């Protein structure tokens, strides 16, 4: 069975639009596999499809000029309408201008392009293709996609209900996902040593093919050290001076490297929520890794469940990604909250109209218990609701006018 990606129907729907479909995501997240699944569907329906992989020299030779590329398409299609897929489009020099020129020729073809999260793709293409493309983001396999794959698709669309009634399965799936993460090659590999070998290969490819090229680094040791430091501090306040000291680089270089790690979909930063500058933290971001397997690889951790505090941070990281996925197609933003007196709430979702404080608790809660920090936030901001995301408890409690919902993590799928 193949891993079924939730983005496929959305991509398929966008094929009706004239805009270029731009699929962006981290290296090895499954972009090429998703394209081939789309091509298979189209070919079965009798559509003409062309596929160019710019990592292959025989394909890349056709992209030296726009004219040469157009002539190649004409030769292969006899000027019939086709779906034209371009994989690793960031390999084209001035890719944004190249695609803009192709689009503006108003050819009778639909163009679909992919690329890793390099700056050339995310920044230059974005600038050149305003109004001519729509971005779709494919991250590593989500915990929902992973759970459906591990249960062989038998519970597609209702995996949350199944996990609610099977605590053993819930524990097994959660432990595996928080240990090895969601890179497709890692998920399908076995045994554990092969999974770790895959993670090592993926990370090395990321360093050599993205970071060294983007940053023009001869030595990438300091960048790797910085990622290792972040991996040991997920969900904690960022101290740039301390990171610079331990990575043996300057503070400006730390900030530059962190920016690149975000743009290549390795980490994500969240900023503090505040309305009182004197009593609340207002500057320091917190960092999370978008894939737990890569984070564990950086620290050499193979059994995080045996380290309760570390497993708690990984669960917190999972809740962050679930919130990101839950609110991705909205104007909502995700922050954390912390006061000078050390009261803190893991996440604050600002929907624009309301605030939702969210705490992540990896424990198997038996009864509702509200922390002092969450009480503090509720008293100060009086939100309509608050969430305590945990392993199993589904309950609610009332604090003044605020309803506190205790929600199992799989309810957010």
Protein backbone atom coordinates (compact mmCIF):
# COMPACT_ATOMS: atom_id res chain seq x y z
CA UNK A 1 0.00 0.00 0.00
CA UNK A 2 1.20 3.52 -0.82
CA UNK A 3 1.01 6.42 1.61
CA UNK A 4 -2.07 8.44 0.69
CA UNK A 5 -1.47 12.19 0.79
CA UNK A 6 -4.38 14.47 1.66
CA UNK A 7 -3.11 17.16 -0.71
CA UNK A 8 -3.70 15.10 -3.86
CA UNK A 9 -7.44 15.95 -4.33
CA UNK A 10 -6.69 19.64 -3.77
CA UNK A 11 -3.95 19.57 -6.40
CA UNK A 12 -6.24 17.73 -8.79
CA UNK A 13 -8.94 20.36 -8.35
CA UNK A 14 -6.48 23.15 -9.16
CA UNK A 15 -5.63 21.58 -12.52
CA UNK A 16 -8.81 23.26 -13.80
CA UNK A 17 -7.23 26.67 -13.20
CA UNK A 18 -4.97 28.45 -15.67
CA UNK A 19 -2.51 29.46 -12.96
CA UNK A 20 0.72 27.52 -12.56
CA UNK A 21 0.38 24.94 -9.80
CA UNK A 22 3.47 25.31 -7.64
CA UNK A 23 4.16 22.47 -5.20
CA UNK A 24 6.72 23.41 -2.54
CA UNK A 25 8.12 21.48 0.38
CA UNK A 26 11.19 20.01 2.06
CA UNK A 27 13.52 17.65 0.28
CA UNK A 28 12.36 14.00 0.36
CA UNK A 29 8.83 14.90 1.53
CA UNK A 30 7.24 13.05 -1.40
CA UNK A 31 6.66 15.78 -3.99
CA UNK A 32 7.82 13.71 -6.97
CA UNK A 33 5.77 10.71 -5.82
CA UNK A 34 2.70 12.94 -5.54
CA UNK A 35 3.25 14.27 -9.06
CA UNK A 36 3.50 10.75 -10.44
CA UNK A 37 0.27 9.77 -8.70
CA UNK A 38 -1.39 12.76 -10.35
CA UNK A 39 0.07 11.87 -13.74
CA UNK A 40 -1.20 8.30 -13.40
CA UNK A 41 -4.73 9.55 -12.77
CA UNK A 42 -4.61 11.88 -15.76
CA UNK A 43 -3.17 9.28 -18.13
CA UNK A 44 -5.83 6.77 -17.12
CA UNK A 45 -8.38 9.36 -18.22
CA UNK A 46 -6.64 9.75 -21.56
CA UNK A 47 -4.89 13.07 -20.96
CA UNK A 48 -1.48 13.83 -22.43
CA UNK A 49 1.19 14.42 -19.78
CA UNK A 50 4.83 15.48 -20.04
CA UNK A 51 7.27 15.07 -17.15
CA UNK A 52 10.62 16.85 -16.86
CA UNK A 53 13.01 16.22 -13.96
CA UNK A 54 15.64 18.94 -13.78
CA UNK A 55 17.90 16.74 -11.68
CA UNK A 56 18.42 14.72 -14.89
CA UNK A 57 20.77 16.24 -17.47
CA UNK A 58 18.84 14.93 -20.46
CA UNK A 59 15.76 16.83 -19.23
CA UNK A 60 17.61 19.90 -17.97
CA UNK A 61 19.14 20.55 -21.42
CA UNK A 62 15.75 21.68 -22.71
CA UNK A 63 15.55 24.54 -20.19
CA UNK A 64 18.48 26.66 -21.32
CA UNK A 65 16.05 29.12 -22.95
CA UNK A 66 12.29 29.58 -23.01
CA UNK A 67 12.26 29.13 -26.78
CA UNK A 68 14.06 25.79 -26.58
CA UNK A 69 11.64 24.54 -23.93
CA UNK A 70 8.60 25.59 -25.95
CA UNK A 71 10.00 23.86 -29.04
CA UNK A 72 10.51 20.67 -27.02
CA UNK A 73 6.89 20.76 -25.85
CA UNK A 74 5.67 21.27 -29.42
CA UNK A 75 7.73 18.29 -30.60
CA UNK A 76 6.28 16.03 -27.92
CA UNK A 77 2.65 17.16 -28.10
CA UNK A 78 2.18 18.03 -31.77
CA UNK A 79 0.63 21.22 -30.30
CA UNK A 80 -2.12 19.28 -28.54
CA UNK A 81 -3.09 20.46 -25.01
CA UNK A 82 -1.07 18.73 -22.31
CA UNK A 83 -0.31 18.76 -18.63
CA UNK A 84 3.37 19.73 -18.28
CA UNK A 85 5.09 18.70 -15.05
CA UNK A 86 8.45 20.24 -14.09
CA UNK A 87 10.19 18.66 -11.12
CA UNK A 88 12.90 20.55 -9.17
CA UNK A 89 12.18 23.79 -10.99
CA UNK A 90 14.59 25.73 -8.75
CA UNK A 91 17.41 24.24 -10.84
CA UNK A 92 16.50 26.72 -13.62
CA UNK A 93 18.46 29.93 -13.41
CA UNK A 94 16.06 32.81 -12.79
CA UNK A 95 13.26 30.27 -12.49
CA UNK A 96 10.61 32.87 -11.74
CA UNK A 97 11.27 34.88 -14.88
CA UNK A 98 11.52 31.68 -16.90
CA UNK A 99 8.09 30.46 -15.78
CA UNK A 100 6.60 33.94 -16.13
CA UNK A 101 7.70 34.05 -19.78
CA UNK A 102 6.25 30.60 -20.45
CA UNK A 103 2.96 31.49 -18.76
CA UNK A 104 2.60 34.79 -20.64
CA UNK A 105 2.84 32.99 -24.01
CA UNK A 106 -0.66 31.63 -23.26
CA UNK A 107 0.16 28.15 -24.47
CA UNK A 108 -2.67 25.57 -24.45
CA UNK A 109 -1.03 23.67 -21.61
CA UNK A 110 -1.35 23.44 -17.84
CA UNK A 111 1.96 23.77 -16.00
CA UNK A 112 2.68 22.10 -12.68
CA UNK A 113 6.05 22.69 -11.01
CA UNK A 114 7.74 21.47 -7.85
CA UNK A 115 10.81 22.39 -5.89
CA UNK A 116 12.42 22.14 -2.50
CA UNK A 117 12.09 25.08 -0.14
CA UNK A 118 15.14 26.90 -1.37
CA UNK A 119 15.12 30.68 -1.45
CA UNK A 120 15.38 30.78 -5.21
CA UNK A 121 12.07 28.97 -5.40
CA UNK A 122 10.28 30.65 -2.52
CA UNK A 123 11.46 34.22 -3.06
CA UNK A 124 12.39 34.87 -6.70
CA UNK A 125 9.64 32.73 -8.15
CA UNK A 126 7.10 34.26 -5.80
CA UNK A 127 8.09 37.76 -6.88
CA UNK A 128 7.98 36.98 -10.59
CA UNK A 129 4.75 35.01 -10.64
CA UNK A 130 2.37 37.27 -8.76
CA UNK A 131 -1.11 36.49 -10.08
CA UNK A 132 0.19 33.65 -12.23
CA UNK A 133 0.58 30.81 -9.72
CA UNK A 134 -0.80 29.26 -6.60
CA UNK A 135 1.44 27.72 -3.95
CA UNK A 136 0.71 24.32 -2.42
CA UNK A 137 2.86 23.08 0.44
CA UNK A 138 3.71 19.43 0.95
CA UNK A 139 5.37 18.73 4.27
CA UNK A 140 6.54 15.37 5.56
CA UNK A 141 3.76 12.84 6.14
CA UNK A 142 1.29 14.04 8.76
CA UNK A 143 0.40 11.92 11.76
CA UNK A 144 -3.05 11.33 10.24
CA UNK A 145 -1.59 10.13 6.94
CA UNK A 146 0.88 7.99 8.89
CA UNK A 147 -1.86 6.41 11.03
CA UNK A 148 -3.99 5.60 8.00
CA UNK A 149 -0.99 4.02 6.26
CA UNK A 150 -0.07 1.95 9.31
CA UNK A 151 -3.66 0.67 9.54
CA UNK A 152 -3.58 -0.18 5.81
CA UNK A 153 -6.24 2.35 4.89
CA UNK A 154 -8.94 0.39 6.68
CA UNK A 155 -10.01 3.42 8.72
CA UNK A 156 -9.55 6.25 6.24
CA UNK A 157 -11.51 9.29 7.32
CA UNK A 158 -12.30 7.90 10.78
CA UNK A 159 -8.90 7.21 12.31
CA UNK A 160 -9.70 9.51 15.25
CA UNK A 161 -12.69 7.39 16.25
CA UNK A 162 -10.60 4.23 16.00
CA UNK A 163 -7.79 5.62 18.17
CA UNK A 164 -10.34 6.75 20.77
CA UNK A 165 -11.39 3.13 21.27
CA UNK A 166 -7.96 1.48 20.98
CA UNK A 167 -5.43 2.91 23.47
CA UNK A 168 -2.81 0.27 22.57
CA UNK A 169 -2.87 1.26 18.90
CA UNK A 170 -2.83 4.93 19.88
CA UNK A 171 0.29 4.39 21.98
CA UNK A 172 2.08 2.38 19.29
CA UNK A 173 1.39 4.86 16.50
CA UNK A 174 2.22 7.90 18.62
CA UNK A 175 5.50 6.39 19.81
CA UNK A 176 6.64 5.41 16.31
CA UNK A 177 5.71 8.76 14.79
CA UNK A 178 7.37 10.81 17.53
CA UNK A 179 10.49 8.66 17.21
CA UNK A 180 10.99 8.43 13.45
CA UNK A 181 8.79 11.16 12.01
CA UNK A 182 7.13 11.45 8.65
CA UNK A 183 9.66 11.23 5.82
CA UNK A 184 8.08 8.68 3.43
CA UNK A 185 11.30 6.70 2.93
CA UNK A 186 11.73 6.43 6.69
CA UNK A 187 8.14 5.30 7.27
CA UNK A 188 8.40 2.51 4.71
CA UNK A 189 11.85 1.36 5.86
CA UNK A 190 12.46 -1.36 8.44
CA UNK A 191 13.97 -2.29 10.83
CA UNK A 192 14.97 0.62 13.09
CA UNK A 193 18.59 0.74 11.92
CA UNK A 194 17.42 1.21 8.34
CA UNK A 195 15.14 4.06 9.42
CA UNK A 196 18.08 5.78 11.10
CA UNK A 197 20.23 5.23 8.01
CA UNK A 198 17.52 6.87 5.89
CA UNK A 199 17.35 9.85 8.24
CA UNK A 200 21.12 10.23 8.01
CA UNK A 201 20.98 10.13 4.21
CA UNK A 202 18.13 12.66 4.07
CA UNK A 203 19.90 15.07 6.41
CA UNK A 204 23.20 14.77 4.54
CA UNK A 205 21.42 15.47 1.26
CA UNK A 206 19.77 18.52 2.80
CA UNK A 207 23.10 19.90 4.00
CA UNK A 208 24.95 19.21 0.76
CA UNK A 209 22.28 20.13 -1.79
CA UNK A 210 20.43 22.94 -0.05
CA UNK A 211 22.46 24.57 2.68
CA UNK A 212 25.95 24.51 1.17
CA UNK A 213 24.63 25.84 -2.12
CA UNK A 214 22.39 28.49 -0.58
CA UNK A 215 24.89 29.73 1.96
CA UNK A 216 27.96 28.99 -0.16
CA UNK A 217 29.54 27.24 2.80
CA UNK A 218 32.72 25.22 2.48
CA UNK A 219 32.18 23.85 5.97
CA UNK A 220 28.72 23.36 7.39
CA UNK A 221 29.70 22.23 10.89
CA UNK A 222 28.48 25.41 12.57
CA UNK A 223 25.09 25.14 10.84
CA UNK A 224 24.71 21.54 12.00
CA UNK A 225 25.76 22.48 15.53
CA UNK A 226 23.14 25.22 15.58
CA UNK A 227 20.42 22.76 14.53
CA UNK A 228 21.55 20.35 17.26
CA UNK A 229 21.30 23.13 19.83
CA UNK A 230 17.80 23.99 18.62
CA UNK A 231 16.84 20.31 18.73
CA UNK A 232 17.69 20.20 22.42
CA UNK A 233 15.67 23.35 23.13
CA UNK A 234 12.37 22.92 21.26
CA UNK A 235 9.62 25.02 22.77
CA UNK A 236 12.07 27.09 24.83
CA UNK A 237 12.95 30.77 24.66
CA UNK A 238 15.66 31.49 22.11
CA UNK A 239 18.83 33.08 23.46
CA UNK A 240 20.80 34.23 20.43
CA UNK A 241 23.94 35.04 22.40
CA UNK A 242 24.03 31.59 23.97
CA UNK A 243 23.47 29.89 20.60
CA UNK A 244 26.24 31.99 19.05
CA UNK A 245 28.64 31.09 21.87
CA UNK A 246 28.09 27.33 21.60
CA UNK A 247 28.02 27.26 17.78
CA UNK A 248 31.10 29.52 17.68
CA UNK A 249 29.56 31.97 15.24
CA UNK A 250 28.31 35.55 15.49
CA UNK A 251 24.79 36.52 16.53
CA UNK A 252 23.97 37.89 13.04
CA UNK A 253 25.12 34.57 11.55
CA UNK A 254 22.91 32.67 14.02
CA UNK A 255 19.89 34.71 12.92
CA UNK A 256 20.77 34.21 9.27
CA UNK A 257 21.13 30.44 9.68
CA UNK A 258 17.85 30.23 11.61
CA UNK A 259 16.12 32.10 8.82
CA UNK A 260 17.44 29.61 6.28
CA UNK A 261 16.38 26.65 8.41
CA UNK A 262 12.83 28.01 8.35
CA UNK A 263 12.83 28.72 4.61
CA UNK A 264 13.94 25.15 3.91
CA UNK A 265 11.14 23.72 6.10
CA UNK A 266 13.36 22.21 8.80
CA UNK A 267 12.23 24.45 11.65
CA UNK A 268 9.37 26.81 12.41
CA UNK A 269 9.48 29.76 14.78
CA UNK A 270 6.59 31.10 16.82
CA UNK A 271 6.57 34.53 18.37
CA UNK A 272 5.17 35.57 21.76
CA UNK A 273 1.62 36.79 22.22
CA UNK A 274 1.50 39.89 24.40
CA UNK A 275 -0.53 42.97 25.20
CA UNK A 276 1.40 44.10 28.25
CA UNK A 277 5.02 44.87 27.37
CA UNK A 278 6.02 45.36 31.00
CA UNK A 279 4.81 41.98 32.28
CA UNK A 280 4.93 39.65 29.26
CA UNK A 281 7.71 38.31 27.04
CA UNK A 282 7.61 40.31 23.80
CA UNK A 283 10.65 39.31 21.69
CA UNK A 284 12.23 35.87 21.98
CA UNK A 285 10.82 33.32 19.51
CA UNK A 286 10.52 29.61 20.18
CA UNK A 287 11.57 27.01 17.62
CA UNK A 288 10.05 23.67 16.69
CA UNK A 289 11.17 21.08 14.17
CA UNK A 290 8.64 20.22 11.49
CA UNK A 291 9.67 16.56 11.60
CA UNK A 292 10.34 14.76 14.92
CA UNK A 293 12.46 12.05 13.29
CA UNK A 294 14.98 14.57 11.98
CA UNK A 295 15.08 16.29 15.36
CA UNK A 296 15.78 12.98 17.16
CA UNK A 297 18.44 12.07 14.60
CA UNK A 298 20.29 15.32 15.31
CA UNK A 299 20.47 14.41 19.00
CA UNK A 300 21.13 10.70 18.50
CA UNK A 301 17.91 9.82 20.36
CA UNK A 302 16.36 6.49 19.33
CA UNK A 303 13.97 5.85 22.23
CA UNK A 304 12.51 9.22 23.30
CA UNK A 305 9.66 7.49 25.16
CA UNK A 306 12.20 6.43 27.80
CA UNK A 307 12.94 10.09 28.54
CA UNK A 308 9.62 11.48 29.84
CA UNK A 309 10.58 15.15 29.65
CA UNK A 310 11.90 14.78 26.10
CA UNK A 311 8.82 12.83 25.03
CA UNK A 312 6.72 15.65 26.46
CA UNK A 313 8.52 18.18 24.27
CA UNK A 314 8.00 15.96 21.22
CA UNK A 315 4.28 15.75 22.02
CA UNK A 316 4.21 19.54 22.34
CA UNK A 317 5.87 19.75 18.93
CA UNK A 318 3.22 17.40 17.51
CA UNK A 319 0.44 19.61 18.90
CA UNK A 320 2.08 22.60 17.21
CA UNK A 321 2.01 20.84 13.85
CA UNK A 322 -1.60 19.74 14.38
CA UNK A 323 -2.57 23.33 15.09
CA UNK A 324 -0.66 24.49 12.01
CA UNK A 325 -2.53 22.00 9.84
CA UNK A 326 -5.86 22.78 11.50
CA UNK A 327 -5.60 26.53 10.82
CA UNK A 328 -3.49 26.50 7.64
CA UNK A 329 -6.19 27.86 5.35
CA UNK A 330 -7.23 30.68 7.64
CA UNK A 331 -5.90 34.00 8.90
CA UNK A 332 -5.20 32.52 12.34
CA UNK A 333 -1.70 32.84 13.78
CA UNK A 334 -0.05 30.70 16.46
CA UNK A 335 2.00 32.13 19.30
CA UNK A 336 3.11 31.25 22.81
CA UNK A 337 2.51 33.23 26.01
CA UNK A 338 4.88 33.82 28.87
CA UNK A 339 5.10 36.40 31.63
CA UNK A 340 8.10 37.81 33.47
CA UNK A 341 6.86 35.79 36.47
CA UNK A 342 7.28 32.52 34.50
CA UNK A 343 3.59 31.83 33.87
CA UNK A 344 3.36 30.26 30.39
CA UNK A 345 0.94 28.70 27.95
CA UNK A 346 2.32 26.51 25.18
CA UNK A 347 0.28 28.03 22.36
CA UNK A 348 -2.15 30.88 21.79
CA UNK A 349 -4.18 30.73 18.59
CA UNK A 350 -5.22 34.20 17.48
CA UNK A 351 -8.07 33.73 15.01
CA UNK A 352 -8.49 37.47 14.55
CA UNK A 353 -11.82 37.46 16.36
CA UNK A 354 -10.87 35.41 19.40
CA UNK A 355 -8.01 33.84 21.36
CA UNK A 356 -7.67 30.14 22.13
CA UNK A 357 -4.97 29.24 24.68
CA UNK A 358 -3.73 25.66 24.17
CA UNK A 359 -1.71 23.50 26.55
CA UNK A 360 -0.10 20.21 25.50
CA UNK A 361 -0.04 17.42 28.09
CA UNK A 362 1.45 14.08 27.09
CA UNK A 363 0.07 12.43 30.22
CA UNK A 364 -2.88 10.02 30.26
CA UNK A 365 -5.11 12.43 32.17
CA UNK A 366 -7.82 10.86 34.33
CA UNK A 367 -9.65 14.01 35.35
CA UNK A 368 -9.68 17.69 34.36
CA UNK A 369 -6.90 19.67 35.98
CA UNK A 370 -6.15 23.24 34.98
CA UNK A 371 -2.66 24.61 35.53
CA UNK A 372 -1.97 27.87 37.34
CA UNK A 373 -0.51 29.32 34.14
CA UNK A 374 -3.63 28.58 32.14
CA UNK A 375 -5.71 30.04 34.97
CA UNK A 376 -3.57 33.20 34.75
CA UNK A 377 -4.13 33.57 31.02
CA UNK A 378 -7.88 32.98 31.37
CA UNK A 379 -8.16 35.55 34.16
CA UNK A 380 -6.26 38.14 32.15
CA UNK A 381 -7.80 37.64 28.70
CA UNK A 382 -11.11 35.86 29.41
CA UNK A 383 -11.19 33.81 26.19
CA UNK A 384 -14.40 32.06 25.22
CA UNK A 385 -12.63 28.69 25.23
CA UNK A 386 -9.31 27.04 26.06
CA UNK A 387 -7.88 23.64 25.13
CA UNK A 388 -5.82 21.10 27.02
CA UNK A 389 -4.61 18.65 24.36
CA UNK A 390 -3.68 15.32 25.96
CA UNK A 391 -3.53 11.58 25.26
CA UNK A 392 -7.03 10.40 26.15
CA UNK A 393 -9.22 12.62 28.33
CA UNK A 394 -12.30 14.09 26.65
CA UNK A 395 -13.98 16.38 29.14
CA UNK A 396 -14.76 20.00 29.84
CA UNK A 397 -14.46 22.35 32.78
CA UNK A 398 -15.58 25.90 33.42
CA UNK A 399 -13.42 28.80 34.61
CA UNK A 400 -15.65 31.86 34.84
CA UNK A 401 -17.04 32.42 31.36
CA UNK A 402 -14.31 30.27 29.73
CA UNK A 403 -14.99 26.67 28.74
CA UNK A 404 -11.83 24.57 29.04
CA UNK A 405 -11.96 21.61 26.68
CA UNK A 406 -9.78 18.58 27.40
CA UNK A 407 -9.21 17.11 23.96
CA UNK A 408 -7.29 14.00 22.87
CA UNK A 409 -4.67 14.88 20.26
CA UNK A 410 -6.36 12.79 17.59
CA UNK A 411 -9.43 15.03 17.78
CA UNK A 412 -7.38 17.63 15.92
CA UNK A 413 -6.84 15.34 12.91
